[in-house]
Amino acid sequence: MKNKTRAVIAGLVLSAGGLIGIASHEGYKGEAYIPVPGDVATIGFGSTTNSDGSRVALGQRTTPVASLKRLGEHVEVFEDAVRRCAPVEMYQYEFDAYVSLTYNIGANAFCKSTLSKKLIAYDYEGACKEILKWDKFQGNSLPGLTKRRMEEYDTCIGK
């Protein structure tokens, strides 16, 4: 049975299930690659920046252990963005869905989104539905993103 009480946002951290969800959505690649034409170099579990803040470069290599460490470090940035830009009570599963989305679209995009505005207005249902709109890259829907957004939406509504 799901918890029926939303928690104060300051007390929420990504759950283990949420972390595994991000890792599975992103997949692992030991060598930097371009996920779709026009995108930036990505490595490990979807990282586009290194621990020092520099951009990932094609030809760069990593290991699963280093990638898991980087994922853990990067997730904190996106948890903070969700807390800062949508400072409302949430269920753990809602928080997990929003952190997963933010990890993929970036903190600035989340903070400027209609989704965060709906959360601030306590429109939880409307905010979850906004997740589904983030399935495009350069104006085109991508099947992989559509699938990921459906899974994040399902998480957000407690399925």
Protein backbone atom coordinates (compact mmCIF):
# COMPACT_ATOMS: atom_id res chain seq x y z
CA MET A 1 0.00 0.00 0.00
CA LYS A 2 1.34 3.43 -0.95
CA ASN A 3 1.90 6.10 1.70
CA LYS A 4 -1.15 8.39 1.68
CA THR A 5 0.68 11.40 3.14
CA ARG A 6 2.87 13.69 1.10
CA ALA A 7 6.22 14.48 2.72
CA VAL A 8 7.88 17.84 3.16
CA ILE A 9 10.14 18.26 0.13
CA ALA A 10 13.23 19.05 2.23
CA GLY A 11 13.10 15.54 3.66
CA LEU A 12 12.93 13.69 0.35
CA VAL A 13 15.84 12.00 -1.41
CA LEU A 14 15.73 9.79 -4.47
CA SER A 15 14.76 6.25 -3.51
CA ALA A 16 16.86 3.23 -4.48
CA GLY A 17 14.12 2.30 -6.95
CA GLY A 18 14.28 5.80 -8.43
CA LEU A 19 18.05 5.53 -8.86
CA ILE A 20 17.73 2.13 -10.53
CA GLY A 21 15.00 3.58 -12.77
CA ILE A 22 17.30 6.37 -13.96
CA ALA A 23 20.16 3.92 -14.56
CA SER A 24 17.89 1.60 -16.58
CA HIS A 25 16.35 4.42 -18.60
CA GLU A 26 19.76 5.82 -19.44
CA GLY A 27 21.53 2.51 -20.01
CA TYR A 28 25.29 2.11 -19.61
CA LYS A 29 27.94 2.87 -22.21
CA GLY A 30 31.63 2.68 -21.33
CA GLU A 31 32.69 4.97 -24.16
CA ALA A 32 31.34 8.45 -24.93
CA TYR A 33 28.79 8.54 -27.74
CA ILE A 34 26.16 10.82 -29.28
CA PRO A 35 22.71 9.42 -28.31
CA VAL A 36 20.88 11.07 -31.23
CA PRO A 37 22.21 13.30 -34.01
CA GLY A 38 22.59 16.86 -32.74
CA ASP A 39 22.87 15.84 -29.08
CA VAL A 40 25.96 16.19 -26.87
CA ALA A 41 28.47 13.49 -25.96
CA THR A 42 27.21 11.18 -23.24
CA ILE A 43 28.90 8.48 -21.18
CA GLY A 44 28.16 5.98 -18.43
CA PHE A 45 24.56 6.30 -17.24
CA GLY A 46 23.63 9.36 -19.29
CA SER A 47 26.27 11.78 -17.99
CA THR A 48 27.08 14.73 -20.21
CA THR A 49 29.51 16.36 -17.79
CA ASN A 50 32.48 15.08 -15.82
CA SER A 51 32.87 15.39 -12.06
CA ASP A 52 34.91 18.60 -12.58
CA GLY A 53 32.07 20.17 -14.60
CA SER A 54 33.76 19.81 -18.00
CA ARG A 55 31.82 18.37 -20.93
CA VAL A 56 32.16 14.71 -21.82
CA ALA A 57 34.23 14.32 -25.01
CA LEU A 58 33.99 11.68 -27.70
CA GLY A 59 36.67 9.03 -27.19
CA GLN A 60 36.43 9.33 -23.41
CA ARG A 61 36.09 6.02 -21.54
CA THR A 62 34.73 5.04 -18.14
CA THR A 63 34.01 2.00 -15.99
CA PRO A 64 30.75 0.82 -14.43
CA VAL A 65 32.01 1.70 -10.92
CA ALA A 66 33.08 5.21 -11.94
CA SER A 67 29.77 5.69 -13.77
CA LEU A 68 27.73 4.67 -10.74
CA LYS A 69 29.72 7.12 -8.61
CA ARG A 70 29.12 9.88 -11.17
CA LEU A 71 25.40 9.02 -11.34
CA GLY A 72 25.15 9.37 -7.55
CA GLU A 73 26.91 12.74 -7.64
CA HIS A 74 24.80 14.04 -10.51
CA VAL A 75 21.50 12.88 -9.01
CA GLU A 76 22.08 15.19 -6.03
CA VAL A 77 22.11 18.20 -8.38
CA PHE A 78 18.73 17.20 -9.82
CA GLU A 79 17.22 16.40 -6.42
CA ASP A 80 18.22 19.90 -5.33
CA ALA A 81 16.64 21.42 -8.45
CA VAL A 82 13.31 19.68 -7.79
CA ARG A 83 13.38 20.79 -4.15
CA ARG A 84 14.30 24.39 -5.04
CA CYS A 85 11.93 24.88 -7.98
CA ALA A 86 8.93 22.95 -6.68
CA PRO A 87 9.01 23.41 -2.89
CA VAL A 88 5.77 21.56 -2.15
CA GLU A 89 4.94 18.36 -0.32
CA MET A 90 5.25 15.24 -2.48
CA TYR A 91 4.84 11.52 -2.28
CA GLN A 92 8.14 9.66 -2.63
CA TYR A 93 7.05 8.26 -6.00
CA GLU A 94 6.23 11.75 -7.31
CA PHE A 95 9.66 13.00 -6.24
CA ASP A 96 11.33 9.99 -7.92
CA ALA A 97 9.48 10.71 -11.19
CA TYR A 98 10.42 14.40 -11.15
CA VAL A 99 14.08 13.71 -10.36
CA SER A 100 14.22 11.18 -13.22
CA LEU A 101 12.69 13.71 -15.61
CA THR A 102 15.01 16.47 -14.40
CA TYR A 103 18.07 14.23 -14.75
CA ASN A 104 17.14 13.83 -18.41
CA ILE A 105 15.97 17.35 -19.35
CA GLY A 106 18.22 19.40 -17.05
CA ALA A 107 17.65 21.51 -13.97
CA ASN A 108 17.06 24.77 -15.87
CA ALA A 109 14.41 23.21 -18.09
CA PHE A 110 12.62 21.74 -15.07
CA CYS A 111 12.76 25.00 -13.13
CA LYS A 112 11.36 27.04 -16.03
CA SER A 113 8.69 24.46 -16.93
CA THR A 114 4.93 24.60 -16.73
CA LEU A 115 5.27 21.40 -14.70
CA SER A 116 7.07 23.18 -11.83
CA LYS A 117 4.52 26.01 -11.97
CA LYS A 118 1.69 23.48 -11.68
CA LEU A 119 3.38 21.91 -8.66
CA ILE A 120 3.74 25.30 -6.98
CA ALA A 121 -0.01 25.78 -7.58
CA TYR A 122 -0.62 22.32 -5.98
CA ASP A 123 -1.95 20.94 -9.27
CA TYR A 124 -0.39 17.52 -8.72
CA GLU A 125 -2.43 15.75 -11.41
CA GLY A 126 -1.66 18.43 -13.98
CA ALA A 127 2.05 18.34 -13.08
CA CYS A 128 2.21 14.58 -13.62
CA LYS A 129 0.53 14.98 -17.02
CA GLU A 130 3.16 17.58 -18.01
CA ILE A 131 5.79 14.82 -17.90
CA LEU A 132 4.28 13.36 -21.08
CA LYS A 133 5.07 16.55 -23.04
CA TRP A 134 8.85 16.06 -22.64
CA ASP A 135 9.26 13.34 -25.28
CA LYS A 136 10.82 15.48 -28.01
CA PHE A 137 14.33 16.33 -29.13
CA GLN A 138 14.68 19.23 -31.56
CA GLY A 139 10.89 19.20 -32.08
CA ASN A 140 10.61 15.50 -32.94
CA SER A 141 9.08 12.83 -30.71
CA LEU A 142 11.48 9.99 -30.03
CA PRO A 143 10.00 6.54 -29.27
CA GLY A 144 12.52 5.91 -26.48
CA LEU A 145 11.66 9.21 -24.81
CA THR A 146 7.94 8.60 -25.22
CA LYS A 147 8.32 5.22 -23.48
CA ARG A 148 10.42 6.76 -20.70
CA ARG A 149 7.91 9.57 -20.16
CA MET A 150 5.03 7.08 -19.93
CA GLU A 151 6.96 5.15 -17.28
CA GLU A 152 7.75 8.37 -15.37
CA TYR A 153 4.11 9.41 -15.62
CA ASP A 154 2.99 6.02 -14.29
CA THR A 155 5.44 6.42 -11.40
CA CYS A 156 4.21 9.96 -10.75
CA ILE A 157 0.58 8.87 -10.43
CA GLY A 158 1.54 5.99 -8.16
CA LYS A 159 1.13 3.04 -10.55
